[in-house]
C-alpha atoms as a PDB file:
ATOM      1  CA  ILE A   1      92.086 101.303 172.839  1.00  0.00           C
ATOM      2  CA  GLY A   2      94.508  98.967 172.983  1.00  0.00           C
ATOM      3  CA  ALA A   3      91.643  96.724 171.311  1.00  0.00           C
ATOM      4  CA  VAL A   4      91.006  99.269 168.680  1.00  0.00           C
ATOM      5  CA  GLU A   5      94.871  99.607 167.832  1.00  0.00           C
ATOM      6  CA  GLN A   6      95.273  96.014 167.652  1.00  0.00           C
ATOM      7  CA  ALA A   7      92.268  95.825 165.080  1.00  0.00           C
ATOM      8  CA  ILE A   8      93.591  98.601 163.080  1.00  0.00           C
ATOM      9  CA  GLY A   9      97.055  97.209 163.368  1.00  0.00           C
ATOM     10  CA  GLU A  10      95.604  93.599 162.172  1.00  0.00           C
ATOM     11  CA  ALA A  11      93.802  95.232 159.230  1.00  0.00           C
ATOM     12  CA  PHE A  12      97.121  96.997 158.117  1.00  0.00           C
ATOM     13  CA  PRO A  13      99.889  94.400 158.635  1.00  0.00           C
ATOM     14  CA  ASP A  14     102.261  95.800 156.389  1.00  0.00           C
ATOM     15  CA  TYR A  15     102.462  99.209 158.361  1.00  0.00           C
ATOM     16  CA  GLU A  16     104.861 100.273 161.204  1.00  0.00           C
ATOM     17  CA  VAL A  17     103.039 101.664 164.041  1.00  0.00           C
ATOM     18  CA  ARG A  18     103.735 105.129 165.985  1.00  0.00           C
ATOM     19  CA  ARG A  19     101.718 107.395 167.870  1.00  0.00           C
ATOM     20  CA  ALA A  20     101.682 110.798 169.446  1.00  0.00           C
ATOM     21  CA  PHE A  21      99.310 113.251 171.667  1.00  0.00           C
ATOM     22  CA  THR A  22      98.086 116.716 171.449  1.00  0.00           C
ATOM     23  CA  ALA A  23      97.954 117.195 175.232  1.00  0.00           C
ATOM     24  CA  GLN A  24     101.140 118.800 175.886  1.00  0.00           C
ATOM     25  CA  ILE A  25     100.098 118.812 179.709  1.00  0.00           C
ATOM     26  CA  ILE A  26     100.489 115.256 179.934  1.00  0.00           C
ATOM     27  CA  ILE A  27     103.202 114.840 177.891  1.00  0.00           C
ATOM     28  CA  ASP A  28     105.300 117.298 179.911  1.00  0.00           C
ATOM     29  CA  LYS A  29     104.044 115.461 183.100  1.00  0.00           C
ATOM     30  CA  LEU A  30     105.339 111.990 181.738  1.00  0.00           C
ATOM     31  CA  ALA A  31     108.421 113.299 180.507  1.00  0.00           C
ATOM     32  CA  GLU A  32     109.018 115.125 184.440  1.00  0.00           C
ATOM     33  CA  ARG A  33     107.606 112.180 186.253  1.00  0.00           C
ATOM     34  CA  ASP A  34     108.509 109.057 184.224  1.00  0.00           C
ATOM     35  CA  LYS A  35     110.962 110.265 181.916  1.00  0.00           C
ATOM     36  CA  LEU A  36     108.604 109.298 178.667  1.00  0.00           C
ATOM     37  CA  GLU A  37     109.571 111.129 175.800  1.00  0.00           C
ATOM     38  CA  ILE A  38     106.245 111.459 173.729  1.00  0.00           C
ATOM     39  CA  ASP A  39     105.616 113.224 170.379  1.00  0.00           C
ATOM     40  CA  ASN A  40     103.064 115.815 170.093  1.00  0.00           C
ATOM     41  CA  VAL A  41     100.963 116.226 166.939  1.00  0.00           C
ATOM     42  CA  THR A  42     103.624 118.499 165.274  1.00  0.00           C
ATOM     43  CA  GLN A  43     106.550 116.315 166.264  1.00  0.00           C
ATOM     44  CA  ALA A  44     104.918 113.470 164.782  1.00  0.00           C
ATOM     45  CA  LEU A  45     104.203 115.021 161.468  1.00  0.00           C
ATOM     46  CA  ASP A  46     107.674 116.495 161.317  1.00  0.00           C
ATOM     47  CA  ARG A  47     109.144 113.133 162.186  1.00  0.00           C
ATOM     48  CA  ALA A  48     107.218 111.498 159.549  1.00  0.00           C
ATOM     49  CA  ALA A  49     108.349 114.212 156.894  1.00  0.00           C
ATOM     50  CA  ALA A  50     112.094 113.748 158.014  1.00  0.00           C
ATOM     51  CA  ASP A  51     111.396 109.815 157.819  1.00  0.00           C
ATOM     52  CA  GLY A  52     110.554 110.067 154.038  1.00  0.00           C
ATOM     53  CA  ILE A  53     106.948 109.086 154.502  1.00  0.00           C
ATOM     54  CA  LYS A  54     105.094 109.534 151.161  1.00  0.00           C
ATOM     55  CA  THR A  55     101.287 109.250 152.309  1.00  0.00           C
ATOM     56  CA  LEU A  56      99.586 110.033 155.534  1.00  0.00           C
ATOM     57  CA  ILE A  57      96.317 108.567 156.349  1.00  0.00           C
ATOM     58  CA  VAL A  58      94.720 109.930 159.575  1.00  0.00           C
ATOM     59  CA  GLN A  59      91.791 108.183 161.005  1.00  0.00           C
ATOM     60  CA  PRO A  60      90.162 109.899 163.991  1.00  0.00           C
ATOM     61  CA  THR A  61      88.513 107.908 166.815  1.00  0.00           C
ATOM     62  CA  HIS A  62      86.400 111.404 167.580  1.00  0.00           C
ATOM     63  CA  LEU A  63      82.733 110.339 167.923  1.00  0.00           C
ATOM     64  CA  MET A  64      81.730 113.254 165.667  1.00  0.00           C
ATOM     65  CA  ASN A  65      83.298 115.925 163.371  1.00  0.00           C
ATOM     66  CA  GLY A  66      83.717 118.523 166.110  1.00  0.00           C
ATOM     67  CA  LEU A  67      86.139 121.133 167.031  1.00  0.00           C
ATOM     68  CA  GLU A  68      88.734 118.869 167.713  1.00  0.00           C
ATOM     69  CA  TYR A  69      88.371 117.310 164.222  1.00  0.00           C
ATOM     70  CA  GLY A  70      88.523 120.817 162.701  1.00  0.00           C
ATOM     71  CA  ASP A  71      91.593 122.009 164.495  1.00  0.00           C
ATOM     72  CA  LEU A  72      93.360 118.553 163.235  1.00  0.00           C
ATOM     73  CA  VAL A  73      91.976 119.595 159.643  1.00  0.00           C
ATOM     74  CA  ASP A  74      93.994 122.552 160.089  1.00  0.00           C
ATOM     75  CA  GLU A  75      97.070 121.287 161.332  1.00  0.00           C
ATOM     76  CA  LEU A  76      97.399 118.820 158.724  1.00  0.00           C
ATOM     77  CA  GLY A  77      96.576 121.459 156.005  1.00  0.00           C
ATOM     78  CA  GLU A  78      99.995 123.093 157.029  1.00  0.00           C
ATOM     79  CA  TYR A  79     101.712 119.999 156.196  1.00  0.00           C
ATOM     80  CA  GLU A  80     100.611 119.629 152.327  1.00  0.00           C
ATOM     81  CA  ASN A  81     104.020 120.408 150.866  1.00  0.00           C
ATOM     82  CA  ASP A  82     105.648 117.592 152.914  1.00  0.00           C
ATOM     83  CA  PHE A  83     103.902 114.566 151.831  1.00  0.00           C
ATOM     84  CA  ASP A  84     102.528 113.118 148.328  1.00  0.00           C
ATOM     85  CA  LYS A  85      99.302 112.810 149.927  1.00  0.00           C
ATOM     86  CA  ILE A  86      97.583 113.243 153.297  1.00  0.00           C
ATOM     87  CA  VAL A  87      94.183 111.872 153.998  1.00  0.00           C
ATOM     88  CA  LEU A  88      91.746 112.199 157.056  1.00  0.00           C
ATOM     89  CA  GLY A  89      88.846 109.633 157.298  1.00  0.00           C
ATOM     90  CA  GLU A  90      85.755 110.132 158.955  1.00  0.00           C
ATOM     91  CA  PRO A  91      84.928 109.937 162.730  1.00  0.00           C
ATOM     92  CA  LEU A  92      82.688 107.489 164.343  1.00  0.00           C
ATOM     93  CA  LEU A  93      79.293 108.698 163.823  1.00  0.00           C
ATOM     94  CA  SER A  94      79.428 110.209 160.209  1.00  0.00           C
ATOM     95  CA  SER A  95      76.876 108.241 158.145  1.00  0.00           C
ATOM     96  CA  ASP A  96      73.335 106.521 158.641  1.00  0.00           C
ATOM     97  CA  ALA A  97      74.801 103.376 158.297  1.00  0.00           C
ATOM     98  CA  ASP A  98      77.374 104.440 161.369  1.00  0.00           C
ATOM     99  CA  PHE A  99      74.446 105.481 163.386  1.00  0.00           C
ATOM    100  CA  GLU A 100      72.731 101.940 162.781  1.00  0.00           C
ATOM    101  CA  LYS A 101      76.034  99.913 163.785  1.00  0.00           C
ATOM    102  CA  VAL A 102      76.554 101.951 166.779  1.00  0.00           C
ATOM    103  CA  MET A 103      73.288 101.430 167.743  1.00  0.00           C
ATOM    104  CA  LYS A 104      73.335  97.732 167.481  1.00  0.00           C
ATOM    105  CA  ALA A 105      76.957  97.683 168.936  1.00  0.00           C
ATOM    106  CA  VAL A 106      75.700  99.459 172.488  1.00  0.00           C
ATOM    107  CA  THR A 107      71.981  97.855 172.715  1.00  0.00           C
ATOM    108  CA  GLU A 108      73.443  94.149 172.176  1.00  0.00           C
ATOM    109  CA  ALA A 109      76.071  95.085 174.825  1.00  0.00           C
ATOM    110  CA  SER A 110      73.573  96.139 177.344  1.00  0.00           C
ATOM    111  CA  LYS A 111      70.670  93.833 176.134  1.00  0.00           C
ATOM    112  CA  GLU A 112      71.008  92.260 180.038  1.00  0.00           C
ATOM    113  CA  TYR A 113      69.857  95.365 181.591  1.00  0.00           C
ATOM    114  CA  ALA A 114      67.145  95.997 179.179  1.00  0.00           C
ATOM    115  CA  GLU A 115      65.210  92.977 179.850  1.00  0.00           C
ATOM    116  CA  SER A 116      63.537  94.916 182.772  1.00  0.00           C
ATOM    117  CA  GLU A 117      60.950  97.414 182.186  1.00  0.00           C
ATOM    118  CA  ASP A 118      61.677  99.339 185.490  1.00  0.00           C
ATOM    119  CA  THR A 119      65.382  99.674 184.347  1.00  0.00           C
ATOM    120  CA  ALA A 120      66.812 102.717 182.327  1.00  0.00           C
ATOM    121  CA  ILE A 121      70.027 102.904 180.566  1.00  0.00           C
ATOM    122  CA  VAL A 122      71.571 106.223 180.342  1.00  0.00           C
ATOM    123  CA  PHE A 123      74.283 106.935 178.089  1.00  0.00           C
ATOM    124  CA  MET A 124      76.805 109.782 179.337  1.00  0.00           C
ATOM    125  CA  GLY A 125      78.508 111.632 176.375  1.00  0.00           C
ATOM    126  CA  HIS A 126      80.618 114.354 176.450  1.00  0.00           C
ATOM    127  CA  GLY A 127      79.110 117.350 174.693  1.00  0.00           C
ATOM    128  CA  THR A 128      80.358 119.873 172.128  1.00  0.00           C
ATOM    129  CA  GLU A 129      79.679 123.601 171.295  1.00  0.00           C
ATOM    130  CA  ALA A 130      80.015 122.508 167.727  1.00  0.00           C
ATOM    131  CA  GLU A 131      77.043 121.796 165.646  1.00  0.00           C
ATOM    132  CA  SER A 132      78.014 118.189 165.382  1.00  0.00           C
ATOM    133  CA  ASN A 133      76.414 118.033 169.048  1.00  0.00           C
ATOM    134  CA  GLN A 134      73.331 117.217 167.301  1.00  0.00           C
ATOM    135  CA  VAL A 135      74.524 113.526 166.769  1.00  0.00           C
ATOM    136  CA  TYR A 136      73.383 112.678 170.331  1.00  0.00           C
ATOM    137  CA  SER A 137      69.804 113.530 169.477  1.00  0.00           C
ATOM    138  CA  THR A 138      70.125 111.899 166.198  1.00  0.00           C
ATOM    139  CA  LEU A 139      71.296 108.506 167.941  1.00  0.00           C
ATOM    140  CA  GLN A 140      68.544 109.125 170.589  1.00  0.00           C
ATOM    141  CA  ASP A 141      65.933 109.321 167.911  1.00  0.00           C
ATOM    142  CA  LYS A 142      67.301 106.188 166.031  1.00  0.00           C
ATOM    143  CA  LEU A 143      67.143 104.292 169.479  1.00  0.00           C
ATOM    144  CA  THR A 144      63.705 105.320 170.392  1.00  0.00           C
ATOM    145  CA  GLY A 145      62.287 104.689 166.663  1.00  0.00           C
ATOM    146  CA  ALA A 146      63.850 101.126 166.872  1.00  0.00           C
ATOM    147  CA  GLY A 147      62.166 100.518 169.993  1.00  0.00           C
ATOM    148  CA  PHE A 148      64.584 101.138 172.487  1.00  0.00           C
ATOM    149  CA  GLU A 149      62.250 103.064 174.717  1.00  0.00           C
ATOM    150  CA  ASN A 150      64.236 102.827 178.043  1.00  0.00           C
ATOM    151  CA  TYR A 151      67.439 104.108 176.427  1.00  0.00           C
ATOM    152  CA  TYR A 152      68.263 107.632 177.105  1.00  0.00           C
ATOM    153  CA  ILE A 153      71.682 109.825 176.272  1.00  0.00           C
ATOM    154  CA  GLY A 154      72.887 112.790 177.921  1.00  0.00           C
ATOM    155  CA  THR A 155      76.212 114.677 178.024  1.00  0.00           C
ATOM    156  CA  VAL A 156      78.706 116.166 180.360  1.00  0.00           C
ATOM    157  CA  GLU A 157      79.283 119.379 178.708  1.00  0.00           C
ATOM    158  CA  ALA A 158      76.271 120.321 176.225  1.00  0.00           C
ATOM    159  CA  ALA A 159      72.838 119.474 175.569  1.00  0.00           C
ATOM    160  CA  PRO A 160      70.935 117.337 176.511  1.00  0.00           C
ATOM    161  CA  ALA A 161      72.050 117.793 179.980  1.00  0.00           C
ATOM    162  CA  LEU A 162      71.340 115.413 182.703  1.00  0.00           C
ATOM    163  CA  GLU A 163      68.860 117.517 183.954  1.00  0.00           C
ATOM    164  CA  ASP A 164      66.956 116.920 180.498  1.00  0.00           C
ATOM    165  CA  VAL A 165      67.410 112.842 180.816  1.00  0.00           C
ATOM    166  CA  MET A 166      65.980 113.095 184.371  1.00  0.00           C
ATOM    167  CA  ALA A 167      62.854 114.796 182.917  1.00  0.00           C
ATOM    168  CA  SER A 168      62.430 112.221 180.612  1.00  0.00           C
ATOM    169  CA  LEU A 169      62.818 109.586 183.006  1.00  0.00           C
ATOM    170  CA  LYS A 170      60.120 110.735 184.894  1.00  0.00           C
ATOM    171  CA  GLU A 171      57.921 111.411 182.135  1.00  0.00           C
ATOM    172  CA  ASN A 172      58.555 108.368 179.963  1.00  0.00           C
ATOM    173  CA  GLY A 173      58.431 105.481 182.789  1.00  0.00           C
ATOM    174  CA  THR A 174      58.240 104.471 186.474  1.00  0.00           C
ATOM    175  CA  TYR A 175      61.697 103.285 186.383  1.00  0.00           C
ATOM    176  CA  LYS A 176      63.335 102.250 189.802  1.00  0.00           C
ATOM    177  CA  LYS A 177      66.892 101.623 188.482  1.00  0.00           C
ATOM    178  CA  VAL A 178      69.116 103.516 186.151  1.00  0.00           C
ATOM    179  CA  VAL A 179      72.302 101.807 184.470  1.00  0.00           C
ATOM    180  CA  LEU A 180      74.718 104.461 183.567  1.00  0.00           C
ATOM    181  CA  GLU A 181      77.285 103.808 180.682  1.00  0.00           C
ATOM    182  CA  PRO A 182      79.982 106.221 178.809  1.00  0.00           C
ATOM    183  CA  LEU A 183      79.226 106.970 175.273  1.00  0.00           C
ATOM    184  CA  MET A 184      82.965 107.558 174.997  1.00  0.00           C
ATOM    185  CA  VAL A 185      85.458 105.591 173.351  1.00  0.00           C
ATOM    186  CA  VAL A 186      87.333 104.949 176.758  1.00  0.00           C
ATOM    187  CA  CYS A 187      86.226 105.184 180.548  1.00  0.00           C
ATOM    188  CA  GLY A 188      88.229 108.414 181.222  1.00  0.00           C
ATOM    189  CA  ASP A 189      87.971 111.259 184.046  1.00  0.00           C
ATOM    190  CA  HIS A 190      84.433 111.902 182.794  1.00  0.00           C
ATOM    191  CA  ALA A 191      83.170 108.504 183.169  1.00  0.00           C
ATOM    192  CA  ASN A 192      84.990 107.646 186.463  1.00  0.00           C
ATOM    193  CA  ASN A 193      84.115 110.980 188.287  1.00  0.00           C
ATOM    194  CA  ASP A 194      81.536 112.715 186.481  1.00  0.00           C
ATOM    195  CA  MET A 195      79.266 109.610 186.123  1.00  0.00           C
ATOM    196  CA  ALA A 196      80.066 107.186 188.185  1.00  0.00           C
ATOM    197  CA  GLY A 197      82.010 109.299 191.222  1.00  0.00           C
ATOM    198  CA  ASP A 198      80.868 109.603 194.855  1.00  0.00           C
ATOM    199  CA  GLU A 199      81.071 113.387 194.695  1.00  0.00           C
ATOM    200  CA  GLU A 200      77.602 115.050 195.268  1.00  0.00           C
ATOM    201  CA  ASP A 201      77.563 116.175 191.583  1.00  0.00           C
ATOM    202  CA  SER A 202      78.039 113.344 189.940  1.00  0.00           C
ATOM    203  CA  TRP A 203      75.364 111.493 188.025  1.00  0.00           C
ATOM    204  CA  LYS A 204      75.257 108.496 189.995  1.00  0.00           C
ATOM    205  CA  THR A 205      75.174 110.481 193.202  1.00  0.00           C
ATOM    206  CA  ILE A 206      72.252 112.651 191.952  1.00  0.00           C
ATOM    207  CA  LEU A 207      70.272 110.087 190.542  1.00  0.00           C
ATOM    208  CA  GLU A 208      70.405 108.411 194.016  1.00  0.00           C
ATOM    209  CA  GLN A 209      69.261 111.161 195.503  1.00  0.00           C
ATOM    210  CA  GLU A 210      66.274 111.006 193.291  1.00  0.00           C
ATOM    211  CA  GLY A 211      65.534 107.569 194.469  1.00  0.00           C
ATOM    212  CA  TYR A 212      66.917 105.427 191.680  1.00  0.00           C
ATOM    213  CA  GLU A 213      68.911 102.624 192.180  1.00  0.00           C
ATOM    214  CA  VAL A 214      72.268 103.180 190.460  1.00  0.00           C
ATOM    215  CA  GLU A 215      74.682 100.760 188.389  1.00  0.00           C
ATOM    216  CA  CYS A 216      77.613 102.244 186.758  1.00  0.00           C
ATOM    217  CA  VAL A 217      79.166 100.231 183.691  1.00  0.00           C
ATOM    218  CA  LEU A 218      82.913 101.418 183.067  1.00  0.00           C
ATOM    219  CA  LYS A 219      83.227 100.176 179.697  1.00  0.00           C
ATOM    220  CA  GLY A 220      84.376 102.328 176.709  1.00  0.00           C
ATOM    221  CA  LEU A 221      82.805 102.156 173.273  1.00  0.00           C
ATOM    222  CA  GLY A 222      86.522 100.829 172.405  1.00  0.00           C
ATOM    223  CA  GLU A 223      86.095  97.797 174.028  1.00  0.00           C
ATOM    224  CA  LEU A 224      83.256  96.631 171.496  1.00  0.00           C
ATOM    225  CA  PRO A 225      84.603  94.476 168.580  1.00  0.00           C
ATOM    226  CA  GLU A 226      81.599  96.363 166.500  1.00  0.00           C
ATOM    227  CA  ILE A 227      82.921  99.624 167.167  1.00  0.00           C
ATOM    228  CA  GLN A 228      86.606  98.416 166.488  1.00  0.00           C
ATOM    229  CA  GLN A 229      85.203  97.221 163.344  1.00  0.00           C
ATOM    230  CA  LEU A 230      83.870 100.378 162.460  1.00  0.00           C
ATOM    231  CA  TYR A 231      87.295 102.251 163.025  1.00  0.00           C
ATOM    232  CA  VAL A 232      88.695  99.706 160.790  1.00  0.00           C
ATOM    233  CA  GLU A 233      86.158 100.238 157.769  1.00  0.00           C
ATOM    234  CA  HIS A 234      86.678 104.063 158.259  1.00  0.00           C
ATOM    235  CA  THR A 235      90.564 103.659 157.829  1.00  0.00           C
ATOM    236  CA  GLN A 236      90.212 101.361 155.084  1.00  0.00           C
ATOM    237  CA  ALA A 237      87.594 103.991 153.183  1.00  0.00           C
ATOM    238  CA  ALA A 238      90.471 106.597 153.922  1.00  0.00           C
ATOM    239  CA  THR A 239      93.256 104.586 152.201  1.00  0.00           C
ATOM    240  CA  ALA A 240      90.884 104.137 149.472  1.00  0.00           C
ATOM    241  CA  CYS A 241      90.309 107.962 148.872  1.00  0.00           C
ATOM    242  CA  LYS A 242      91.373 109.219 145.416  1.00  0.00           C
ATOM    243  CA  LYS A 243      90.121 112.580 145.439  1.00  0.00           C
ATOM    244  CA  GLN A 244      89.528 115.467 147.796  1.00  0.00           C
ATOM    245  CA  ARG A 245      86.182 115.462 149.880  1.00  0.00           C
ATOM    246  CA  HIS A 246      84.139 118.040 151.791  1.00  0.00           C
ATOM    247  CA  THR A 247      83.549 118.091 155.543  1.00  0.00           C
ATOM    248  CA  GLY A 248      82.121 115.133 157.083  1.00  0.00           C
ATOM    249  CA  GLN A 249      84.102 112.895 154.532  1.00  0.00           C
ATOM    250  CA  PRO A 250      87.631 111.963 154.319  1.00  0.00           C
ATOM    251  CA  TYR A 251      89.924 115.148 153.252  1.00  0.00           C
ATOM    252  CA  ILE A 252      92.786 114.762 151.231  1.00  0.00           C
ATOM    253  CA  TRP A 253      95.899 117.229 150.235  1.00  0.00           C
ATOM    254  CA  LYS A 254      98.046 116.098 147.255  1.00  0.00           C
ATOM    255  CA  THR A 255     101.673 117.060 148.006  1.00  0.00           C
ATOM    256  CA  LYS A 256     105.621 114.403 148.241  1.00  0.00           C
ATOM    257  CA  ARG A 257     106.326 111.045 150.408  1.00  0.00           C
ATOM    258  CA  THR A 258     103.262 105.546 153.374  1.00  0.00           C
ATOM    259  CA  ALA A 259     101.891 105.910 156.715  1.00  0.00           C
ATOM    260  CA  VAL A 260      98.592 105.431 158.736  1.00  0.00           C
ATOM    261  CA  LEU A 261      97.952 108.177 161.287  1.00  0.00           C
ATOM    262  CA  TYR A 262      95.452 107.016 163.753  1.00  0.00           C
ATOM    263  CA  VAL A 263      93.778 109.852 166.197  1.00  0.00           C
ATOM    264  CA  VAL A 264      92.216 109.072 169.378  1.00  0.00           C
ATOM    265  CA  GLU A 265      89.536 111.040 170.772  1.00  0.00           C
ATOM    266  CA  SER A 266      88.906 110.025 174.036  1.00  0.00           C
ATOM    267  CA  GLN A 267      92.237 110.436 176.250  1.00  0.00           C
ATOM    268  CA  LYS A 268      95.046 112.305 176.403  1.00  0.00           C
ATOM    269  CA  PHE A 269      97.486 109.463 175.733  1.00  0.00           C
ATOM    270  CA  ILE A 270      96.953 106.050 174.301  1.00  0.00           C
ATOM    271  CA  TYR A 271      97.683 102.434 174.520  1.00  0.00           C
ATOM    272  CA  VAL A 272     100.605 101.131 172.732  1.00  0.00           C
ATOM    273  CA  SER A 273     100.249  97.280 171.815  1.00  0.00           C
ATOM    274  CA  GLY A 274     103.829  96.549 171.172  1.00  0.00           C
ATOM    275  CA  ASP A 275     103.118  94.540 168.145  1.00  0.00           C
ATOM    276  CA  ILE A 276     105.244  96.915 166.128  1.00  0.00           C
ATOM    277  CA  VAL A 277     106.685 100.013 167.953  1.00  0.00           C
ATOM    278  CA  MET A 278     109.299 102.495 166.472  1.00  0.00           C
ATOM    279  CA  LYS A 279     112.272 101.937 168.806  1.00  0.00           C
ATOM    280  CA  GLN A 280     112.402 105.825 169.541  1.00  0.00           C
ATOM    281  CA  PHE A 281     108.769 105.727 171.228  1.00  0.00           C
ATOM    282  CA  LEU A 282     108.608 104.240 174.911  1.00  0.00           C
ATOM    283  CA  SER A 283     105.766 101.610 174.824  1.00  0.00           C
ATOM    284  CA  PHE A 284     102.991 101.971 177.433  1.00  0.00           C
ATOM    285  CA  ALA A 285      99.607 101.257 178.383  1.00  0.00           C
ATOM    286  CA  ALA A 286      96.934 103.717 179.415  1.00  0.00           C
ATOM    287  CA  ALA A 287      93.131 104.097 180.541  1.00  0.00           C
ATOM    288  CA  GLY A 288      90.688 107.042 179.996  1.00  0.00           C
ATOM    289  CA  ILE A 289      91.444 110.780 180.061  1.00  0.00           C
ATOM    290  CA  MET A 290      89.364 113.217 177.747  1.00  0.00           C
ATOM    291  CA  GLY A 291      91.583 114.648 174.959  1.00  0.00           C
ATOM    292  CA  LEU A 292      93.052 113.908 171.937  1.00  0.00           C
ATOM    293  CA  GLY A 293      96.007 111.365 170.858  1.00  0.00           C
ATOM    294  CA  LEU A 294      97.565 109.940 167.785  1.00  0.00           C
ATOM    295  CA  PHE A 295      98.208 106.541 166.648  1.00  0.00           C
ATOM    296  CA  TRP A 296      99.895 106.319 163.326  1.00  0.00           C
ATOM    297  CA  ALA A 297     101.446 103.495 160.997  1.00  0.00           C
ATOM    298  CA  ALA A 298     104.072 104.144 158.683  1.00  0.00           C
ATOM    299  CA  GLY A 299     105.298 101.698 155.887  1.00  0.00           C
ATOM    300  CA  ILE A 300     109.119 102.182 156.181  1.00  0.00           C
ATOM    301  CA  ALA A 301     110.933  99.220 155.700  1.00  0.00           C
ATOM    302  CA  GLY A 302     113.768  98.138 158.067  1.00  0.00           C
ATOM    303  CA  MET A 303     112.707 100.293 160.985  1.00  0.00           C
ATOM    304  CA  ALA A 304     113.891  98.624 164.198  1.00  0.00           C
ATOM    305  CA  THR A 305     111.034  97.396 166.836  1.00  0.00           C
ATOM    306  CA  GLU A 306     110.781  96.598 170.516  1.00  0.00           C
ATOM    307  CA  GLU A 307     108.263  95.328 173.067  1.00  0.00           C
ATOM    308  CA  PRO A 308     106.611  97.615 175.695  1.00  0.00           C
ATOM    309  CA  GLU A 309     108.606  98.351 178.827  1.00  0.00           C
ATOM    310  CA  HIS A 310     106.162  99.106 180.944  1.00  0.00           C
ATOM    311  CA  GLU A 311     102.510 100.422 181.797  1.00  0.00           C
ATOM    312  CA  ILE A 312     100.966 103.530 183.015  1.00  0.00           C
ATOM    313  CA  SER A 313      97.275 103.502 184.240  1.00  0.00           C
ATOM    314  CA  TYR A 314      94.924 106.238 183.565  1.00  0.00           C
ATOM    315  CA  ASP A 315      94.433 107.154 187.051  1.00  0.00           C
ATOM    316  CA  GLN A 316      98.242 108.107 187.258  1.00  0.00           C
ATOM    317  CA  VAL A 317      97.851 111.101 185.375  1.00  0.00           C
ATOM    318  CA  ALA A 318      96.172 114.571 185.479  1.00  0.00           C
ATOM    319  CA  SER A 319      92.539 115.159 184.713  1.00  0.00           C
ATOM    320  CA  GLU A 320      91.327 117.162 182.019  1.00  0.00           C
ATOM    321  CA  ASP A 321      90.760 119.962 183.888  1.00  0.00           C
ATOM    322  CA  GLU A 322      94.097 120.067 185.656  1.00  0.00           C
END
């Protein structure tokens, strides 16, 4: 996430950076344990309005236009009278071009494993009850159609499930080894535990019990430069948005005050780079817990900044289930 944040910050050098989180349980835990004061989404939006920000650009790092994306649309709509303009950019997988770029990024990053015919590369996605869950099957079809026949996609909480992936492994090849990778922006609780954990119900354990040699690659999509650039492109498209668009494209509300708001899908709090950080925000670094957070940049002159004070690692905070 730090790399994605840095890429967007470099693309918008005139903006000041702020962020907030939607997972109140994590906000409360950090406040109690580490004395960190972190804004939730409502507080962040209230603060932006109070600071006289005129234009708010919201760029999600959600993988898809799912339930959380819809919730964000609703919450932003409640602030339509507080800003001149609010724009919501597109999630990672929104257009055919997005699918092609993501496919190229993940296959290029894992090509060393794909050279062996007896090795399958299996990606773990989160999954959703929303109709947009179809992005997984769409990406799978594009991978297969492009000749990447030893690439498979499953999800933790929807379809295709691990059972579906295992059936495909047995049907489509004589694989001896399976490489597991997260199809998520960061390696959070799902990647570290549900995918790569030693528990009896983890993907790693289940596949090993089926006789496969299993290697886990704990590297989130956000670490790939091509993915970082795609988020930058979506942010740039949102900044250029002049009129209201429909679902799956940037939303815009015309209303009274300039900022870039960057929404993080794959963890309950995010990395703060310290390049430009509001003085009232304590800076910290974090790694992978599923949830939703926010990074936003405001074009407000004369605000004081400071460097990060310390770091907090992902394994120091509660999991999504907790």
